[in-house]
């Protein structure tokens, strides 16, 4: 990746942020642009409630189901303090 590609991608992401897109579309398009300059196997991009920091929605791609099942079993076995 060269600096010019990274700078162009950053500018494209700023344009997306000002395009009036809904949250999901913004995240999907941002991740599409990031893949041009950052190779990834999978991604997860979430929004969170600022008051509680709980996730409110997420966009994910290519995350193995076994990982999701493992995470789910880990979080369901946690006891609140």
Protein backbone atom coordinates (compact mmCIF):
# COMPACT_ATOMS: atom_id res chain seq x y z
CA UNK A 1 0.00 0.00 0.00
CA UNK A 2 1.38 3.39 -0.87
CA UNK A 3 0.69 6.66 0.92
CA UNK A 4 -1.30 8.00 -2.01
CA UNK A 5 -3.74 5.06 -1.90
CA UNK A 6 -4.16 5.41 1.86
CA UNK A 7 -4.78 9.16 1.57
CA UNK A 8 -7.31 8.66 -1.24
CA UNK A 9 -9.12 6.00 0.79
CA UNK A 10 -9.23 8.30 3.84
CA UNK A 11 -10.72 11.09 1.68
CA UNK A 12 -13.29 8.68 0.25
CA UNK A 13 -14.32 7.61 3.76
CA UNK A 14 -14.73 11.24 4.86
CA UNK A 15 -16.96 11.80 1.80
CA UNK A 16 -19.05 8.78 2.79
CA UNK A 17 -19.47 10.19 6.30
CA UNK A 18 -20.98 13.36 4.83
CA UNK A 19 -23.16 11.57 2.26
CA UNK A 20 -26.19 11.12 4.53
CA UNK A 21 -26.11 7.33 4.39
CA UNK A 22 -27.88 5.19 6.96
CA UNK A 23 -25.65 3.57 9.58
CA UNK A 24 -25.52 0.11 8.01
CA UNK A 25 -24.75 1.38 4.51
CA UNK A 26 -22.06 3.70 5.86
CA UNK A 27 -20.36 0.81 7.66
CA UNK A 28 -20.59 -1.58 4.69
CA UNK A 29 -19.21 1.02 2.28
CA UNK A 30 -16.46 2.09 4.71
CA UNK A 31 -15.31 -1.49 5.09
CA UNK A 32 -15.39 -1.96 1.32
CA UNK A 33 -13.05 1.02 0.94
CA UNK A 34 -10.76 -0.13 3.75
CA UNK A 35 -10.32 -3.50 2.04
CA UNK A 36 -8.64 -1.65 -0.85
CA UNK A 37 -5.73 -0.72 1.41
CA UNK A 38 -5.91 -3.17 4.36
CA UNK A 39 -6.11 -6.89 3.62
CA UNK A 40 -8.41 -8.64 6.11
CA UNK A 41 -9.87 -12.12 6.37
CA UNK A 42 -13.04 -10.98 8.10
CA UNK A 43 -14.53 -7.96 9.81
CA UNK A 44 -17.01 -6.91 12.44
CA UNK A 45 -18.12 -3.27 12.68
CA UNK A 46 -20.54 -2.40 15.48
CA UNK A 47 -22.39 0.60 16.83
CA UNK A 48 -22.80 1.13 20.57
CA UNK A 49 -25.10 3.00 22.89
CA UNK A 50 -22.92 5.78 24.37
CA UNK A 51 -24.66 5.63 27.75
CA UNK A 52 -24.31 1.88 28.32
CA UNK A 53 -21.60 0.95 25.78
CA UNK A 54 -23.78 -2.00 24.76
CA UNK A 55 -23.64 -2.93 21.08
CA UNK A 56 -26.77 -1.85 19.24
CA UNK A 57 -26.09 -3.36 15.80
CA UNK A 58 -23.27 -4.87 13.81
CA UNK A 59 -22.11 -5.61 10.31
CA UNK A 60 -19.94 -8.68 9.84
CA UNK A 61 -18.49 -10.63 6.98
CA UNK A 62 -16.56 -13.88 6.69
CA UNK A 63 -16.45 -14.59 10.42
CA UNK A 64 -16.44 -18.39 10.82
CA UNK A 65 -19.61 -19.77 12.42
CA UNK A 66 -17.49 -21.75 14.89
CA UNK A 67 -16.06 -18.47 16.20
CA UNK A 68 -19.54 -17.02 16.63
CA UNK A 69 -20.73 -20.15 18.46
CA UNK A 70 -17.66 -20.07 20.70
CA UNK A 71 -18.15 -16.39 21.54
CA UNK A 72 -21.85 -16.97 22.19
CA UNK A 73 -21.17 -19.81 24.60
CA UNK A 74 -18.53 -17.75 26.39
CA UNK A 75 -20.80 -14.75 26.90
CA UNK A 76 -23.82 -16.82 27.89
CA UNK A 77 -21.81 -18.55 30.62
CA UNK A 78 -20.72 -15.25 32.20
CA UNK A 79 -22.50 -14.31 35.37
CA UNK A 80 -23.30 -10.64 36.04
CA UNK A 81 -21.45 -9.05 38.93
